[in-house]
C-alpha atoms as a PDB file:
ATOM      1  CA  TRP A   1     -11.238  -6.073   9.226  1.00  0.00           C
ATOM      2  CA  ASN A   2     -11.619  -7.298  12.756  1.00  0.00           C
ATOM      3  CA  ASN A   3      -9.220 -10.184  12.442  1.00  0.00           C
ATOM      4  CA  PRO A   4      -6.390  -9.394  14.646  1.00  0.00           C
ATOM      5  CA  VAL A   5      -3.864 -11.119  12.155  1.00  0.00           C
ATOM      6  CA  ASN A   6      -4.929  -8.824   9.155  1.00  0.00           C
ATOM      7  CA  VAL A   7      -1.697  -7.417   8.112  1.00  0.00           C
ATOM      8  CA  HIS A   8      -2.817  -4.826   5.561  1.00  0.00           C
ATOM      9  CA  VAL A   9      -5.077  -3.244   7.970  1.00  0.00           C
ATOM     10  CA  GLN A  10      -2.387  -3.225  10.857  1.00  0.00           C
ATOM     11  CA  LEU A  11       0.142  -1.760   8.119  1.00  0.00           C
ATOM     12  CA  ALA A  12      -2.936   0.903   7.339  1.00  0.00           C
ATOM     13  CA  VAL A  13      -3.123   1.845  11.064  1.00  0.00           C
ATOM     14  CA  SER A  14       0.511   1.863  11.807  1.00  0.00           C
ATOM     15  CA  MET A  15       1.174   4.171   8.709  1.00  0.00           C
ATOM     16  CA  ARG A  16      -1.393   6.472   9.888  1.00  0.00           C
ATOM     17  CA  ALA A  17      -0.222   6.751  13.459  1.00  0.00           C
ATOM     18  CA  HIS A  18       3.266   7.709  12.521  1.00  0.00           C
ATOM     19  CA  GLY A  19       1.620  10.524  11.106  1.00  0.00           C
ATOM     20  CA  HIS A  20       4.348  11.361   8.280  1.00  0.00           C
ATOM     21  CA  GLY A  21       2.438  10.150   5.622  1.00  0.00           C
ATOM     22  CA  GLY A  22       3.477   7.217   3.324  1.00  0.00           C
ATOM     23  CA  LEU A  23       2.956   5.382   0.338  1.00  0.00           C
ATOM     24  CA  LEU A  24       3.022   1.433   0.442  1.00  0.00           C
ATOM     25  CA  LEU A  25       2.765  -0.892  -2.729  1.00  0.00           C
ATOM     26  CA  ILE A  26       1.672  -4.282  -2.552  1.00  0.00           C
ATOM     27  CA  VAL A  27       2.864  -6.229  -5.844  1.00  0.00           C
ATOM     28  CA  PRO A  28       2.617  -9.783  -7.001  1.00  0.00           C
ATOM     29  CA  SER A  29       5.215 -12.210  -5.729  1.00  0.00           C
ATOM     30  CA  ASP A  30       5.051 -14.095  -9.074  1.00  0.00           C
ATOM     31  CA  SER A  31       5.818 -11.484 -11.203  1.00  0.00           C
ATOM     32  CA  ASP A  32       8.597  -8.413 -11.744  1.00  0.00           C
ATOM     33  CA  LYS A  33       6.103  -6.531 -14.321  1.00  0.00           C
ATOM     34  CA  TRP A  34       5.776  -3.821 -11.291  1.00  0.00           C
ATOM     35  CA  ARG A  35       9.406  -2.941 -12.024  1.00  0.00           C
ATOM     36  CA  GLU A  36       8.364  -1.317 -15.210  1.00  0.00           C
ATOM     37  CA  SER A  37       6.532   1.453 -13.068  1.00  0.00           C
ATOM     38  CA  ILE A  38       9.683   2.109 -10.721  1.00  0.00           C
ATOM     39  CA  ILE A  39      12.737   4.339 -11.624  1.00  0.00           C
ATOM     40  CA  ASP A  40      16.027   2.134 -11.912  1.00  0.00           C
ATOM     41  CA  PRO A  41      18.015   2.160  -9.759  1.00  0.00           C
ATOM     42  CA  ILE A  42      15.790   1.980  -6.626  1.00  0.00           C
ATOM     43  CA  SER A  43      17.292   3.953  -3.797  1.00  0.00           C
ATOM     44  CA  TYR A  44      16.714   1.361  -1.226  1.00  0.00           C
ATOM     45  CA  ALA A  45      16.428  -1.886  -2.846  1.00  0.00           C
ATOM     46  CA  VAL A  46      16.574  -4.537  -0.312  1.00  0.00           C
ATOM     47  CA  SER A  47      18.254  -7.700  -1.919  1.00  0.00           C
ATOM     48  CA  PRO A  48      17.542 -10.497  -0.610  1.00  0.00           C
ATOM     49  CA  SER A  49      14.171  -9.281   0.240  1.00  0.00           C
ATOM     50  CA  PHE A  50      13.711  -8.839   4.203  1.00  0.00           C
ATOM     51  CA  ASN A  51      11.275 -11.766   5.250  1.00  0.00           C
ATOM     52  CA  GLY A  52      10.678 -10.788   8.960  1.00  0.00           C
ATOM     53  CA  LEU A  53       6.822  -9.992   8.388  1.00  0.00           C
ATOM     54  CA  SER A  54       6.491 -13.046   5.926  1.00  0.00           C
ATOM     55  CA  ARG A  55       8.023 -15.433   8.341  1.00  0.00           C
ATOM     56  CA  LEU A  56       5.697 -14.330  11.221  1.00  0.00           C
ATOM     57  CA  MET A  57       2.645 -14.954   8.966  1.00  0.00           C
ATOM     58  CA  THR A  58       3.727 -18.802   8.154  1.00  0.00           C
ATOM     59  CA  GLN A  59       4.611 -19.523  11.561  1.00  0.00           C
ATOM     60  CA  ASN A  60       2.759 -22.234  13.458  1.00  0.00           C
ATOM     61  CA  ILE A  61       1.111 -20.406  16.270  1.00  0.00           C
ATOM     62  CA  ASN A  62      -0.545 -21.861  19.430  1.00  0.00           C
ATOM     63  CA  ASP A  63      -2.067 -20.566  22.648  1.00  0.00           C
ATOM     64  CA  ARG A  64       1.390 -20.785  24.165  1.00  0.00           C
ATOM     65  CA  ASN A  65       3.420 -18.245  21.948  1.00  0.00           C
ATOM     66  CA  LEU A  66       0.396 -16.203  20.769  1.00  0.00           C
ATOM     67  CA  THR A  67       1.395 -13.400  22.939  1.00  0.00           C
ATOM     68  CA  LEU A  68       4.980 -13.441  22.160  1.00  0.00           C
ATOM     69  CA  TRP A  69       4.090 -13.840  18.352  1.00  0.00           C
ATOM     70  CA  LYS A  70       1.705 -10.766  18.415  1.00  0.00           C
ATOM     71  CA  GLU A  71       4.424  -8.809  20.051  1.00  0.00           C
ATOM     72  CA  GLU A  72       6.800  -9.727  17.406  1.00  0.00           C
ATOM     73  CA  LEU A  73       4.233  -8.864  14.459  1.00  0.00           C
ATOM     74  CA  SER A  74       3.564  -5.387  15.887  1.00  0.00           C
ATOM     75  CA  LYS A  75       7.186  -4.773  15.784  1.00  0.00           C
ATOM     76  CA  GLU A  76       7.479  -5.929  12.169  1.00  0.00           C
ATOM     77  CA  ILE A  77       4.467  -4.254  11.406  1.00  0.00           C
ATOM     78  CA  ASP A  78       5.823  -0.748  12.736  1.00  0.00           C
ATOM     79  CA  CYS A  79       9.136  -1.177  11.108  1.00  0.00           C
ATOM     80  CA  VAL A  80       7.772  -1.379   7.739  1.00  0.00           C
ATOM     81  CA  ALA A  81       5.171   1.042   8.344  1.00  0.00           C
ATOM     82  CA  GLY A  82       7.957   3.228   9.320  1.00  0.00           C
ATOM     83  CA  LEU A  83       9.581   2.807   6.216  1.00  0.00           C
ATOM     84  CA  THR A  84       6.754   4.437   4.450  1.00  0.00           C
ATOM     85  CA  ALA A  85       7.887   7.814   5.965  1.00  0.00           C
ATOM     86  CA  VAL A  86      10.780   7.963   3.672  1.00  0.00           C
ATOM     87  CA  ASP A  87      10.503   9.945   0.452  1.00  0.00           C
ATOM     88  CA  GLY A  88       9.201   7.330  -2.208  1.00  0.00           C
ATOM     89  CA  ALA A  89       7.353   4.167  -2.028  1.00  0.00           C
ATOM     90  CA  THR A  90       7.646   1.342   0.056  1.00  0.00           C
ATOM     91  CA  ILE A  91       7.404  -1.819  -1.614  1.00  0.00           C
ATOM     92  CA  ILE A  92       6.433  -5.483  -0.402  1.00  0.00           C
ATOM     93  CA  ASN A  93       5.037  -8.449  -2.388  1.00  0.00           C
ATOM     94  CA  ASP A  94       1.596 -10.300  -1.508  1.00  0.00           C
ATOM     95  CA  ARG A  95       3.799 -12.970   0.410  1.00  0.00           C
ATOM     96  CA  HIS A  96       4.804  -9.695   2.758  1.00  0.00           C
ATOM     97  CA  GLU A  97       8.448  -9.551   1.849  1.00  0.00           C
ATOM     98  CA  LEU A  98       9.851  -6.217   1.880  1.00  0.00           C
ATOM     99  CA  LEU A  99      11.171  -5.434  -1.575  1.00  0.00           C
ATOM    100  CA  ALA A 100      12.308  -1.766  -1.568  1.00  0.00           C
ATOM    101  CA  PHE A 101      11.673   1.427   0.033  1.00  0.00           C
ATOM    102  CA  GLY A 102      12.112   5.250  -1.253  1.00  0.00           C
ATOM    103  CA  ALA A 103      11.333   3.694  -4.753  1.00  0.00           C
ATOM    104  CA  LYS A 104      10.223   6.416  -7.250  1.00  0.00           C
ATOM    105  CA  ILE A 105       7.020   5.876  -9.401  1.00  0.00           C
ATOM    106  CA  THR A 106       6.920   6.471 -13.023  1.00  0.00           C
ATOM    107  CA  ARG A 107       4.923   5.401 -16.114  1.00  0.00           C
ATOM    108  CA  PRO A 108       6.031   2.631 -18.080  1.00  0.00           C
ATOM    109  CA  HIS A 109       7.779   3.474 -21.706  1.00  0.00           C
ATOM    110  CA  GLY A 110       4.894   4.505 -23.766  1.00  0.00           C
ATOM    111  CA  GLY A 111       2.370   4.280 -20.766  1.00  0.00           C
ATOM    112  CA  GLU A 112      -0.642   6.867 -20.693  1.00  0.00           C
ATOM    113  CA  THR A 113      -1.042   9.132 -17.721  1.00  0.00           C
ATOM    114  CA  VAL A 114      -4.224   8.125 -15.579  1.00  0.00           C
ATOM    115  CA  LYS A 115      -6.953  10.768 -16.306  1.00  0.00           C
ATOM    116  CA  GLU A 116      -9.796   9.927 -14.081  1.00  0.00           C
ATOM    117  CA  ILE A 117     -10.004   7.867 -10.686  1.00  0.00           C
ATOM    118  CA  MET A 118     -13.397   6.583  -8.925  1.00  0.00           C
ATOM    119  CA  ALA A 119     -13.408   7.455  -5.186  1.00  0.00           C
ATOM    120  CA  THR A 120     -15.852   5.912  -2.811  1.00  0.00           C
ATOM    121  CA  GLU A 121     -16.455   6.141   1.293  1.00  0.00           C
ATOM    122  CA  PRO A 122     -17.693   3.558   3.423  1.00  0.00           C
ATOM    123  CA  ILE A 123     -20.438   5.614   4.364  1.00  0.00           C
ATOM    124  CA  ILE A 124     -24.188   4.992   3.859  1.00  0.00           C
ATOM    125  CA  ASP A 125     -25.797   6.529   0.932  1.00  0.00           C
ATOM    126  CA  SER A 126     -22.231   7.667  -0.354  1.00  0.00           C
ATOM    127  CA  GLU A 127     -22.019   7.642  -4.166  1.00  0.00           C
ATOM    128  CA  ALA A 128     -18.962   7.046  -6.221  1.00  0.00           C
ATOM    129  CA  GLN A 129     -17.294  10.382  -7.478  1.00  0.00           C
ATOM    130  CA  LEU A 130     -15.235  10.169 -10.804  1.00  0.00           C
ATOM    131  CA  MET A 131     -12.219  12.720 -10.449  1.00  0.00           C
ATOM    132  CA  ALA A 132      -8.870  13.690 -11.723  1.00  0.00           C
ATOM    133  CA  PRO A 133      -6.540  11.775  -9.773  1.00  0.00           C
ATOM    134  CA  GLY A 134      -4.943  15.158  -8.260  1.00  0.00           C
ATOM    135  CA  GLN A 135      -8.286  16.310  -6.662  1.00  0.00           C
ATOM    136  CA  ASP A 136      -8.194  13.064  -4.532  1.00  0.00           C
ATOM    137  CA  GLY A 137      -4.702  14.424  -2.696  1.00  0.00           C
ATOM    138  CA  GLY A 138      -1.312  15.090  -3.408  1.00  0.00           C
ATOM    139  CA  THR A 139       1.459  13.588  -4.966  1.00  0.00           C
ATOM    140  CA  ARG A 140       1.628  10.253  -3.060  1.00  0.00           C
ATOM    141  CA  HIS A 141      -2.133   9.963  -4.387  1.00  0.00           C
ATOM    142  CA  PHE A 142      -1.304  10.882  -7.908  1.00  0.00           C
ATOM    143  CA  ALA A 143       1.744   8.454  -7.925  1.00  0.00           C
ATOM    144  CA  ALA A 144      -0.668   5.419  -6.551  1.00  0.00           C
ATOM    145  CA  ALA A 145      -3.354   6.137  -8.974  1.00  0.00           C
ATOM    146  CA  GLN A 146      -0.677   5.967 -11.869  1.00  0.00           C
ATOM    147  CA  PHE A 147       1.076   2.760 -10.501  1.00  0.00           C
ATOM    148  CA  ILE A 148      -2.254   1.111 -10.215  1.00  0.00           C
ATOM    149  CA  TYR A 149      -3.272   2.300 -13.561  1.00  0.00           C
ATOM    150  CA  ASP A 150      -0.134   0.702 -14.932  1.00  0.00           C
ATOM    151  CA  GLN A 151      -0.023  -2.408 -12.805  1.00  0.00           C
ATOM    152  CA  ARG A 152      -3.522  -3.575 -12.282  1.00  0.00           C
ATOM    153  CA  ASP A 153      -2.459  -6.473 -10.218  1.00  0.00           C
ATOM    154  CA  ALA A 154      -1.211  -4.579  -7.529  1.00  0.00           C
ATOM    155  CA  PHE A 155      -2.823  -2.144  -5.033  1.00  0.00           C
ATOM    156  CA  ALA A 156      -1.561   0.667  -2.946  1.00  0.00           C
ATOM    157  CA  LEU A 157      -1.869   2.090   0.673  1.00  0.00           C
ATOM    158  CA  VAL A 158      -1.805   5.695   0.810  1.00  0.00           C
ATOM    159  CA  ALA A 159      -1.564   7.939   4.274  1.00  0.00           C
ATOM    160  CA  SER A 160      -1.654  11.576   4.190  1.00  0.00           C
ATOM    161  CA  GLN A 161      -0.274  13.541   6.763  1.00  0.00           C
ATOM    162  CA  ASP A 162      -3.544  15.045   7.752  1.00  0.00           C
ATOM    163  CA  GLY A 163      -4.887  11.707   8.648  1.00  0.00           C
ATOM    164  CA  ARG A 164      -6.840  10.571   5.647  1.00  0.00           C
ATOM    165  CA  PHE A 165      -6.087   7.039   4.177  1.00  0.00           C
ATOM    166  CA  THR A 166      -6.850   5.623   0.688  1.00  0.00           C
ATOM    167  CA  ILE A 167      -6.474   2.209  -0.626  1.00  0.00           C
ATOM    168  CA  PHE A 168      -5.971   2.431  -4.738  1.00  0.00           C
ATOM    169  CA  SER A 169      -6.832  -0.910  -6.637  1.00  0.00           C
ATOM    170  CA  TRP A 170      -7.903  -1.368 -10.157  1.00  0.00           C
ATOM    171  CA  SER A 171     -11.666  -2.093 -10.584  1.00  0.00           C
ATOM    172  CA  PRO A 172     -12.008  -4.832 -13.468  1.00  0.00           C
ATOM    173  CA  CYS A 173     -15.869  -3.974 -13.359  1.00  0.00           C
ATOM    174  CA  ASP A 174     -15.609  -0.275 -14.075  1.00  0.00           C
ATOM    175  CA  SER A 175     -12.359  -0.168 -15.855  1.00  0.00           C
ATOM    176  CA  ILE A 176     -11.012   2.493 -13.493  1.00  0.00           C
ATOM    177  CA  VAL A 177      -8.429   2.979 -10.621  1.00  0.00           C
ATOM    178  CA  HIS A 178     -10.398   2.845  -7.628  1.00  0.00           C
ATOM    179  CA  ALA A 179      -9.672   4.960  -4.711  1.00  0.00           C
ATOM    180  CA  HIS A 180     -11.329   3.467  -1.377  1.00  0.00           C
ATOM    181  CA  ARG A 181     -11.148   6.231   1.051  1.00  0.00           C
ATOM    182  CA  VAL A 182     -11.011   4.236   4.265  1.00  0.00           C
ATOM    183  CA  ASP A 183      -9.955   6.631   7.179  1.00  0.00           C
ATOM    184  CA  THR A 184     -13.057   6.380   9.003  1.00  0.00           C
ATOM    185  CA  LEU A 185     -12.747   2.695   9.301  1.00  0.00           C
ATOM    186  CA  LEU A 186      -9.125   2.941  10.897  1.00  0.00           C
ATOM    187  CA  LEU A 187     -10.071   5.107  14.044  1.00  0.00           C
END
């Protein structure tokens, strides 16, 4: 969390800061299975994928160019986070390549609707709560929970307009979508 190059944390902070809410899906780069959960055609597919963030993350950095590199990284993060304000989901892969924005989430053909999620908060003595996905938030939260239920090797970052921030991932130990409410960590 304290690493200045933790891109996902920086994306979360930027998504929260723009105040419009947003949904960012992070999918594996070695599979296109995630496309089963996206309505085709994607409104704003990026082809070839935009790799500005990826390029920066693989660059060799030294003390001489660190300040300039951090500035460029901050601009790229704000650009990707800004796209999450567009209606629909922004999609990047685990190599930080921008694949699409404005994407609509759906269930794969024959897939089930997610019925229950487990929500936790990083607060001492806080206990996990089981709930229907609609209880945790609005449409973005439900869409993120459904996507993770169907695409268990992905994760989703959801910023609400009210400042709440939730990370959705699959919990293999509990066989359930796990909603990590982390807004207190982003202050």
